[in-house]
Amino acid sequence: MMEEKTMVADTLAGINGELVRFGEMIPQTENKELKQTLKQIRTATEQSQEQLFQLAREKSYYVPAACATSEEIAHVRSLFTNASL
């Protein structure tokens, strides 16, 4: 029998995968009505993901990484602002 923690983690992984697919589909869609529908579904999916994420945190199924330091943030920012494209 699957544990609740495993089910929550699997569900979050699935939702996150769906959100990636919406991010790929929406900009490639020319039909404005379809694009709007996909955006609405993505928003509802994001809300579900956030609720499940909060549940996982409350039950200590997920422990977030430590917050980045100011130096780490500055370093990552410099990687993107100094990159030549």
PDB file of N, CA and C in Angstrom:
ATOM      1  N   MET A   1       0.842  -1.185   0.000  1.00  0.00           N
ATOM      2  CA  MET A   1       0.000   0.000   0.000  1.00  0.00           C
ATOM      3  C   MET A   1       0.883   1.243   0.000  1.00  0.00           C
ATOM      4  N   MET A   2       0.549   2.169  -0.858  1.00  0.00           N
ATOM      5  CA  MET A   2       1.322   3.394  -0.976  1.00  0.00           C
ATOM      6  C   MET A   2       1.107   4.307   0.212  1.00  0.00           C
ATOM      7  N   GLU A   3       2.164   4.937   0.660  1.00  0.00           N
ATOM      8  CA  GLU A   3       2.047   5.892   1.748  1.00  0.00           C
ATOM      9  C   GLU A   3       1.561   7.228   1.204  1.00  0.00           C
ATOM     10  N   GLU A   4       0.897   7.975   2.085  1.00  0.00           N
ATOM     11  CA  GLU A   4       0.387   9.286   1.693  1.00  0.00           C
ATOM     12  C   GLU A   4       1.515  10.192   1.191  1.00  0.00           C
ATOM     13  N   LYS A   5       2.654  10.155   1.850  1.00  0.00           N
ATOM     14  CA  LYS A   5       3.785  10.995   1.451  1.00  0.00           C
ATOM     15  C   LYS A   5       4.204  10.698   0.016  1.00  0.00           C
ATOM     16  N   THR A   6       4.252   9.443  -0.352  1.00  0.00           N
ATOM     17  CA  THR A   6       4.627   9.041  -1.702  1.00  0.00           C
ATOM     18  C   THR A   6       3.580   9.494  -2.711  1.00  0.00           C
ATOM     19  N   MET A   7       2.319   9.360  -2.352  1.00  0.00           N
ATOM     20  CA  MET A   7       1.243   9.779  -3.252  1.00  0.00           C
ATOM     21  C   MET A   7       1.291  11.287  -3.484  1.00  0.00           C
ATOM     22  N   VAL A   8       1.531  12.054  -2.428  1.00  0.00           N
ATOM     23  CA  VAL A   8       1.616  13.511  -2.561  1.00  0.00           C
ATOM     24  C   VAL A   8       2.796  13.873  -3.452  1.00  0.00           C
ATOM     25  N   ALA A   9       3.946  13.261  -3.228  1.00  0.00           N
ATOM     26  CA  ALA A   9       5.135  13.552  -4.035  1.00  0.00           C
ATOM     27  C   ALA A   9       4.900  13.195  -5.507  1.00  0.00           C
ATOM     28  N   ASP A  10       4.294  12.044  -5.758  1.00  0.00           N
ATOM     29  CA  ASP A  10       4.016  11.632  -7.139  1.00  0.00           C
ATOM     30  C   ASP A  10       3.035  12.587  -7.809  1.00  0.00           C
ATOM     31  N   THR A  11       2.021  12.992  -7.073  1.00  0.00           N
ATOM     32  CA  THR A  11       1.028  13.911  -7.626  1.00  0.00           C
ATOM     33  C   THR A  11       1.655  15.261  -7.935  1.00  0.00           C
ATOM     34  N   LEU A  12       2.491  15.769  -7.023  1.00  0.00           N
ATOM     35  CA  LEU A  12       3.180  17.042  -7.276  1.00  0.00           C
ATOM     36  C   LEU A  12       4.072  16.940  -8.514  1.00  0.00           C
ATOM     37  N   ALA A  13       4.772  15.838  -8.657  1.00  0.00           N
ATOM     38  CA  ALA A  13       5.632  15.652  -9.824  1.00  0.00           C
ATOM     39  C   ALA A  13       4.793  15.653 -11.107  1.00  0.00           C
ATOM     40  N   GLY A  14       3.647  14.998 -11.066  1.00  0.00           N
ATOM     41  CA  GLY A  14       2.766  14.967 -12.229  1.00  0.00           C
ATOM     42  C   GLY A  14       2.226  16.340 -12.581  1.00  0.00           C
ATOM     43  N   ILE A  15       1.795  17.084 -11.572  1.00  0.00           N
ATOM     44  CA  ILE A  15       1.271  18.432 -11.800  1.00  0.00           C
ATOM     45  C   ILE A  15       2.362  19.325 -12.368  1.00  0.00           C
ATOM     46  N   ASN A  16       3.564  19.224 -11.811  1.00  0.00           N
ATOM     47  CA  ASN A  16       4.660  20.045 -12.310  1.00  0.00           C
ATOM     48  C   ASN A  16       4.955  19.725 -13.776  1.00  0.00           C
ATOM     49  N   GLY A  17       4.853  18.460 -14.136  1.00  0.00           N
ATOM     50  CA  GLY A  17       5.036  18.077 -15.531  1.00  0.00           C
ATOM     51  C   GLY A  17       3.964  18.677 -16.427  1.00  0.00           C
ATOM     52  N   GLU A  18       2.726  18.690 -15.943  1.00  0.00           N
ATOM     53  CA  GLU A  18       1.635  19.300 -16.709  1.00  0.00           C
ATOM     54  C   GLU A  18       1.894  20.782 -16.927  1.00  0.00           C
ATOM     55  N   LEU A  19       2.383  21.454 -15.890  1.00  0.00           N
ATOM     56  CA  LEU A  19       2.654  22.887 -16.015  1.00  0.00           C
ATOM     57  C   LEU A  19       3.741  23.159 -17.050  1.00  0.00           C
ATOM     58  N   VAL A  20       4.722  22.284 -17.130  1.00  0.00           N
ATOM     59  CA  VAL A  20       5.763  22.416 -18.158  1.00  0.00           C
ATOM     60  C   VAL A  20       5.128  22.304 -19.534  1.00  0.00           C
ATOM     61  N   ARG A  21       4.232  21.332 -19.709  1.00  0.00           N
ATOM     62  CA  ARG A  21       3.585  21.143 -21.018  1.00  0.00           C
ATOM     63  C   ARG A  21       2.747  22.358 -21.400  1.00  0.00           C
ATOM     64  N   PHE A  22       2.029  22.940 -20.436  1.00  0.00           N
ATOM     65  CA  PHE A  22       1.255  24.150 -20.741  1.00  0.00           C
ATOM     66  C   PHE A  22       2.194  25.261 -21.186  1.00  0.00           C
ATOM     67  N   GLY A  23       3.342  25.381 -20.525  1.00  0.00           N
ATOM     68  CA  GLY A  23       4.323  26.390 -20.904  1.00  0.00           C
ATOM     69  C   GLY A  23       4.843  26.197 -22.316  1.00  0.00           C
ATOM     70  N   GLU A  24       4.853  24.972 -22.773  1.00  0.00           N
ATOM     71  CA  GLU A  24       5.283  24.671 -24.144  1.00  0.00           C
ATOM     72  C   GLU A  24       4.160  24.901 -25.151  1.00  0.00           C
ATOM     73  N   MET A  25       2.933  24.528 -24.771  1.00  0.00           N
ATOM     74  CA  MET A  25       1.808  24.587 -25.711  1.00  0.00           C
ATOM     75  C   MET A  25       1.298  26.007 -25.940  1.00  0.00           C
ATOM     76  N   ILE A  26       1.161  26.771 -24.887  1.00  0.00           N
ATOM     77  CA  ILE A  26       0.507  28.083 -24.991  1.00  0.00           C
ATOM     78  C   ILE A  26       1.174  28.995 -26.025  1.00  0.00           C
ATOM     79  N   PRO A  27       2.496  29.178 -25.992  1.00  0.00           N
ATOM     80  CA  PRO A  27       3.083  30.089 -26.977  1.00  0.00           C
ATOM     81  C   PRO A  27       3.051  29.556 -28.417  1.00  0.00           C
ATOM     82  N   GLN A  28       2.810  28.268 -28.583  1.00  0.00           N
ATOM     83  CA  GLN A  28       2.795  27.683 -29.925  1.00  0.00           C
ATOM     84  C   GLN A  28       1.391  27.648 -30.529  1.00  0.00           C
ATOM     85  N   THR A  29       0.403  28.076 -29.765  1.00  0.00           N
ATOM     86  CA  THR A  29      -0.983  28.002 -30.214  1.00  0.00           C
ATOM     87  C   THR A  29      -1.396  29.307 -30.876  1.00  0.00           C
ATOM     88  N   GLU A  30      -1.863  29.218 -32.107  1.00  0.00           N
ATOM     89  CA  GLU A  30      -2.302  30.412 -32.829  1.00  0.00           C
ATOM     90  C   GLU A  30      -3.755  30.761 -32.528  1.00  0.00           C
ATOM     91  N   ASN A  31      -4.566  29.749 -32.237  1.00  0.00           N
ATOM     92  CA  ASN A  31      -5.983  29.960 -31.983  1.00  0.00           C
ATOM     93  C   ASN A  31      -6.159  30.671 -30.643  1.00  0.00           C
ATOM     94  N   LYS A  32      -6.670  31.904 -30.680  1.00  0.00           N
ATOM     95  CA  LYS A  32      -6.790  32.721 -29.466  1.00  0.00           C
ATOM     96  C   LYS A  32      -7.713  32.089 -28.421  1.00  0.00           C
ATOM     97  N   GLU A  33      -8.793  31.472 -28.874  1.00  0.00           N
ATOM     98  CA  GLU A  33      -9.720  30.837 -27.938  1.00  0.00           C
ATOM     99  C   GLU A  33      -9.056  29.649 -27.246  1.00  0.00           C
ATOM    100  N   LEU A  34      -8.349  28.833 -27.998  1.00  0.00           N
ATOM    101  CA  LEU A  34      -7.635  27.697 -27.421  1.00  0.00           C
ATOM    102  C   LEU A  34      -6.549  28.193 -26.462  1.00  0.00           C
ATOM    103  N   LYS A  35      -5.831  29.238 -26.872  1.00  0.00           N
ATOM    104  CA  LYS A  35      -4.777  29.792 -26.031  1.00  0.00           C
ATOM    105  C   LYS A  35      -5.358  30.252 -24.697  1.00  0.00           C
ATOM    106  N   GLN A  36      -6.495  30.943 -24.727  1.00  0.00           N
ATOM    107  CA  GLN A  36      -7.133  31.421 -23.499  1.00  0.00           C
ATOM    108  C   GLN A  36      -7.592  30.247 -22.631  1.00  0.00           C
ATOM    109  N   THR A  37      -8.147  29.220 -23.259  1.00  0.00           N
ATOM    110  CA  THR A  37      -8.582  28.030 -22.522  1.00  0.00           C
ATOM    111  C   THR A  37      -7.398  27.355 -21.840  1.00  0.00           C
ATOM    112  N   LEU A  38      -6.296  27.221 -22.556  1.00  0.00           N
ATOM    113  CA  LEU A  38      -5.097  26.613 -21.974  1.00  0.00           C
ATOM    114  C   LEU A  38      -4.566  27.439 -20.806  1.00  0.00           C
ATOM    115  N   LYS A  39      -4.624  28.760 -20.929  1.00  0.00           N
ATOM    116  CA  LYS A  39      -4.179  29.627 -19.833  1.00  0.00           C
ATOM    117  C   LYS A  39      -5.063  29.451 -18.601  1.00  0.00           C
ATOM    118  N   GLN A  40      -6.372  29.315 -18.821  1.00  0.00           N
ATOM    119  CA  GLN A  40      -7.291  29.105 -17.698  1.00  0.00           C
ATOM    120  C   GLN A  40      -7.025  27.766 -17.014  1.00  0.00           C
ATOM    121  N   ILE A  41      -6.799  26.740 -17.801  1.00  0.00           N
ATOM    122  CA  ILE A  41      -6.499  25.423 -17.235  1.00  0.00           C
ATOM    123  C   ILE A  41      -5.167  25.478 -16.485  1.00  0.00           C
ATOM    124  N   ARG A  42      -4.175  26.167 -17.067  1.00  0.00           N
ATOM    125  CA  ARG A  42      -2.879  26.298 -16.398  1.00  0.00           C
ATOM    126  C   ARG A  42      -3.029  27.002 -15.049  1.00  0.00           C
ATOM    127  N   THR A  43      -3.825  28.058 -15.000  1.00  0.00           N
ATOM    128  CA  THR A  43      -4.041  28.784 -13.749  1.00  0.00           C
ATOM    129  C   THR A  43      -4.676  27.878 -12.698  1.00  0.00           C
ATOM    130  N   ALA A  44      -5.687  27.115 -13.088  1.00  0.00           N
ATOM    131  CA  ALA A  44      -6.334  26.191 -12.149  1.00  0.00           C
ATOM    132  C   ALA A  44      -5.342  25.119 -11.691  1.00  0.00           C
ATOM    133  N   THR A  45      -4.500  24.655 -12.604  1.00  0.00           N
ATOM    134  CA  THR A  45      -3.494  23.649 -12.261  1.00  0.00           C
ATOM    135  C   THR A  45      -2.476  24.225 -11.289  1.00  0.00           C
ATOM    136  N   GLU A  46      -2.068  25.468 -11.508  1.00  0.00           N
ATOM    137  CA  GLU A  46      -1.131  26.132 -10.596  1.00  0.00           C
ATOM    138  C   GLU A  46      -1.731  26.261  -9.195  1.00  0.00           C
ATOM    139  N   GLN A  47      -3.018  26.579  -9.130  1.00  0.00           N
ATOM    140  CA  GLN A  47      -3.683  26.690  -7.831  1.00  0.00           C
ATOM    141  C   GLN A  47      -3.729  25.338  -7.122  1.00  0.00           C
ATOM    142  N   SER A  48      -3.999  24.277  -7.855  1.00  0.00           N
ATOM    143  CA  SER A  48      -3.998  22.931  -7.266  1.00  0.00           C
ATOM    144  C   SER A  48      -2.611  22.565  -6.775  1.00  0.00           C
ATOM    145  N   GLN A  49      -1.603  22.899  -7.574  1.00  0.00           N
ATOM    146  CA  GLN A  49      -0.220  22.603  -7.197  1.00  0.00           C
ATOM    147  C   GLN A  49       0.137  23.335  -5.905  1.00  0.00           C
ATOM    148  N   GLU A  50      -0.255  24.588  -5.793  1.00  0.00           N
ATOM    149  CA  GLU A  50       0.054  25.376  -4.599  1.00  0.00           C
ATOM    150  C   GLU A  50      -0.628  24.791  -3.362  1.00  0.00           C
ATOM    151  N   GLN A  51      -1.883  24.372  -3.499  1.00  0.00           N
ATOM    152  CA  GLN A  51      -2.599  23.776  -2.368  1.00  0.00           C
ATOM    153  C   GLN A  51      -1.926  22.479  -1.924  1.00  0.00           C
ATOM    154  N   LEU A  52      -1.567  21.649  -2.870  1.00  0.00           N
ATOM    155  CA  LEU A  52      -0.917  20.384  -2.540  1.00  0.00           C
ATOM    156  C   LEU A  52       0.472  20.625  -1.944  1.00  0.00           C
ATOM    157  N   PHE A  53       1.183  21.609  -2.475  1.00  0.00           N
ATOM    158  CA  PHE A  53       2.491  21.972  -1.951  1.00  0.00           C
ATOM    159  C   PHE A  53       2.375  22.427  -0.490  1.00  0.00           C
ATOM    160  N   GLN A  54       1.372  23.239  -0.190  1.00  0.00           N
ATOM    161  CA  GLN A  54       1.175  23.702   1.190  1.00  0.00           C
ATOM    162  C   GLN A  54       0.863  22.525   2.116  1.00  0.00           C
ATOM    163  N   LEU A  55       0.059  21.592   1.652  1.00  0.00           N
ATOM    164  CA  LEU A  55      -0.244  20.396   2.431  1.00  0.00           C
ATOM    165  C   LEU A  55       1.037  19.608   2.717  1.00  0.00           C
ATOM    166  N   ALA A  56       1.859  19.458   1.692  1.00  0.00           N
ATOM    167  CA  ALA A  56       3.115  18.728   1.847  1.00  0.00           C
ATOM    168  C   ALA A  56       4.022  19.413   2.871  1.00  0.00           C
ATOM    169  N   ARG A  57       4.066  20.725   2.855  1.00  0.00           N
ATOM    170  CA  ARG A  57       4.886  21.452   3.831  1.00  0.00           C
ATOM    171  C   ARG A  57       4.325  21.307   5.240  1.00  0.00           C
ATOM    172  N   GLU A  58       3.008  21.418   5.372  1.00  0.00           N
ATOM    173  CA  GLU A  58       2.375  21.305   6.688  1.00  0.00           C
ATOM    174  C   GLU A  58       2.638  19.944   7.322  1.00  0.00           C
ATOM    175  N   LYS A  59       2.665  18.911   6.501  1.00  0.00           N
ATOM    176  CA  LYS A  59       2.867  17.553   7.009  1.00  0.00           C
ATOM    177  C   LYS A  59       4.339  17.155   7.017  1.00  0.00           C
ATOM    178  N   SER A  60       5.200  18.105   6.711  1.00  0.00           N
ATOM    179  CA  SER A  60       6.654  17.883   6.655  1.00  0.00           C
ATOM    180  C   SER A  60       7.044  16.825   5.627  1.00  0.00           C
ATOM    181  N   TYR A  61       6.235  16.698   4.581  1.00  0.00           N
ATOM    182  CA  TYR A  61       6.583  15.806   3.479  1.00  0.00           C
ATOM    183  C   TYR A  61       7.617  16.478   2.582  1.00  0.00           C
ATOM    184  N   TYR A  62       7.628  17.800   2.634  1.00  0.00           N
ATOM    185  CA  TYR A  62       8.554  18.577   1.818  1.00  0.00           C
ATOM    186  C   TYR A  62       9.217  19.609   2.713  1.00  0.00           C
ATOM    187  N   VAL A  63      10.519  19.638   2.672  1.00  0.00           N
ATOM    188  CA  VAL A  63      11.274  20.638   3.412  1.00  0.00           C
ATOM    189  C   VAL A  63      12.056  21.434   2.374  1.00  0.00           C
ATOM    190  N   PRO A  64      11.728  22.722   2.230  1.00  0.00           N
ATOM    191  CA  PRO A  64      12.392  23.503   1.193  1.00  0.00           C
ATOM    192  C   PRO A  64      13.879  23.707   1.492  1.00  0.00           C
ATOM    193  N   ALA A  65      14.613  23.952   0.455  1.00  0.00           N
ATOM    194  CA  ALA A  65      16.045  24.251   0.607  1.00  0.00           C
ATOM    195  C   ALA A  65      16.199  25.569   1.344  1.00  0.00           C
ATOM    196  N   ALA A  66      17.365  25.777   1.907  1.00  0.00           N
ATOM    197  CA  ALA A  66      17.647  27.044   2.595  1.00  0.00           C
ATOM    198  C   ALA A  66      17.558  28.193   1.598  1.00  0.00           C
ATOM    199  N   CYS A  67      17.195  29.355   2.099  1.00  0.00           N
ATOM    200  CA  CYS A  67      17.103  30.534   1.240  1.00  0.00           C
ATOM    201  C   CYS A  67      18.486  30.900   0.714  1.00  0.00           C
ATOM    202  N   ALA A  68      18.510  31.379  -0.505  1.00  0.00           N
ATOM    203  CA  ALA A  68      19.769  31.803  -1.119  1.00  0.00           C
ATOM    204  C   ALA A  68      20.264  33.067  -0.432  1.00  0.00           C
ATOM    205  N   THR A  69      21.571  33.166  -0.334  1.00  0.00           N
ATOM    206  CA  THR A  69      22.168  34.373   0.244  1.00  0.00           C
ATOM    207  C   THR A  69      22.151  35.485  -0.794  1.00  0.00           C
ATOM    208  N   SER A  70      22.366  36.701  -0.342  1.00  0.00           N
ATOM    209  CA  SER A  70      22.440  37.843  -1.257  1.00  0.00           C
ATOM    210  C   SER A  70      23.553  37.651  -2.273  1.00  0.00           C
ATOM    211  N   GLU A  71      24.656  37.074  -1.824  1.00  0.00           N
ATOM    212  CA  GLU A  71      25.782  36.841  -2.734  1.00  0.00           C
ATOM    213  C   GLU A  71      25.417  35.822  -3.807  1.00  0.00           C
ATOM    214  N   GLU A  72      24.717  34.765  -3.424  1.00  0.00           N
ATOM    215  CA  GLU A  72      24.310  33.749  -4.398  1.00  0.00           C
ATOM    216  C   GLU A  72      23.348  34.333  -5.427  1.00  0.00           C
ATOM    217  N   ILE A  73      22.426  35.143  -4.963  1.00  0.00           N
ATOM    218  CA  ILE A  73      21.464  35.790  -5.870  1.00  0.00           C
ATOM    219  C   ILE A  73      22.193  36.718  -6.832  1.00  0.00           C
ATOM    220  N   ALA A  74      23.132  37.507  -6.313  1.00  0.00           N
ATOM    221  CA  ALA A  74      23.904  38.422  -7.159  1.00  0.00           C
ATOM    222  C   ALA A  74      24.708  37.650  -8.198  1.00  0.00           C
ATOM    223  N   HIS A  75      25.265  36.522  -7.798  1.00  0.00           N
ATOM    224  CA  HIS A  75      26.052  35.709  -8.734  1.00  0.00           C
ATOM    225  C   HIS A  75      25.182  35.186  -9.880  1.00  0.00           C
ATOM    226  N   VAL A  76      24.022  34.639  -9.550  1.00  0.00           N
ATOM    227  CA  VAL A  76      23.119  34.119 -10.590  1.00  0.00           C
ATOM    228  C   VAL A  76      22.645  35.259 -11.490  1.00  0.00           C
ATOM    229  N   ARG A  77      22.315  36.395 -10.879  1.00  0.00           N
ATOM    230  CA  ARG A  77      21.877  37.544 -11.678  1.00  0.00           C
ATOM    231  C   ARG A  77      22.976  37.957 -12.652  1.00  0.00           C
ATOM    232  N   SER A  78      24.232  37.961 -12.189  1.00  0.00           N
ATOM    233  CA  SER A  78      25.331  38.359 -13.065  1.00  0.00           C
ATOM    234  C   SER A  78      25.520  37.376 -14.208  1.00  0.00           C
ATOM    235  N   LEU A  79      25.242  36.113 -13.975  1.00  0.00           N
ATOM    236  CA  LEU A  79      25.362  35.128 -15.050  1.00  0.00           C
ATOM    237  C   LEU A  79      24.418  35.436 -16.196  1.00  0.00           C
ATOM    238  N   PHE A  80      23.239  35.945 -15.872  1.00  0.00           N
ATOM    239  CA  PHE A  80      22.245  36.230 -16.902  1.00  0.00           C
ATOM    240  C   PHE A  80      22.405  37.606 -17.497  1.00  0.00           C
ATOM    241  N   THR A  81      22.843  38.574 -16.707  1.00  0.00           N
ATOM    242  CA  THR A  81      22.986  39.927 -17.239  1.00  0.00           C
ATOM    243  C   THR A  81      24.271  40.096 -18.021  1.00  0.00           C
ATOM    244  N   ASN A  82      25.280  39.274 -17.747  1.00  0.00           N
ATOM    245  CA  ASN A  82      26.562  39.380 -18.453  1.00  0.00           C
ATOM    246  C   ASN A  82      26.679  38.391 -19.601  1.00  0.00           C
ATOM    247  N   ALA A  83      25.681  37.547 -19.759  1.00  0.00           N
ATOM    248  CA  ALA A  83      25.742  36.545 -20.829  1.00  0.00           C
ATOM    249  C   ALA A  83      25.585  37.217 -22.186  1.00  0.00           C
ATOM    250  N   SER A  84      26.365  36.782 -23.138  1.00  0.00           N
ATOM    251  CA  SER A  84      26.241  37.314 -24.489  1.00  0.00           C
ATOM    252  C   SER A  84      25.393  36.353 -25.306  1.00  0.00           C
ATOM    253  N   LEU A  85      24.313  36.861 -25.841  1.00  0.00           N
ATOM    254  CA  LEU A  85      23.407  36.015 -26.618  1.00  0.00           C
ATOM    255  C   LEU A  85      23.527  36.317 -28.088  1.00  0.00           C
TER     256      LEU A  85
END
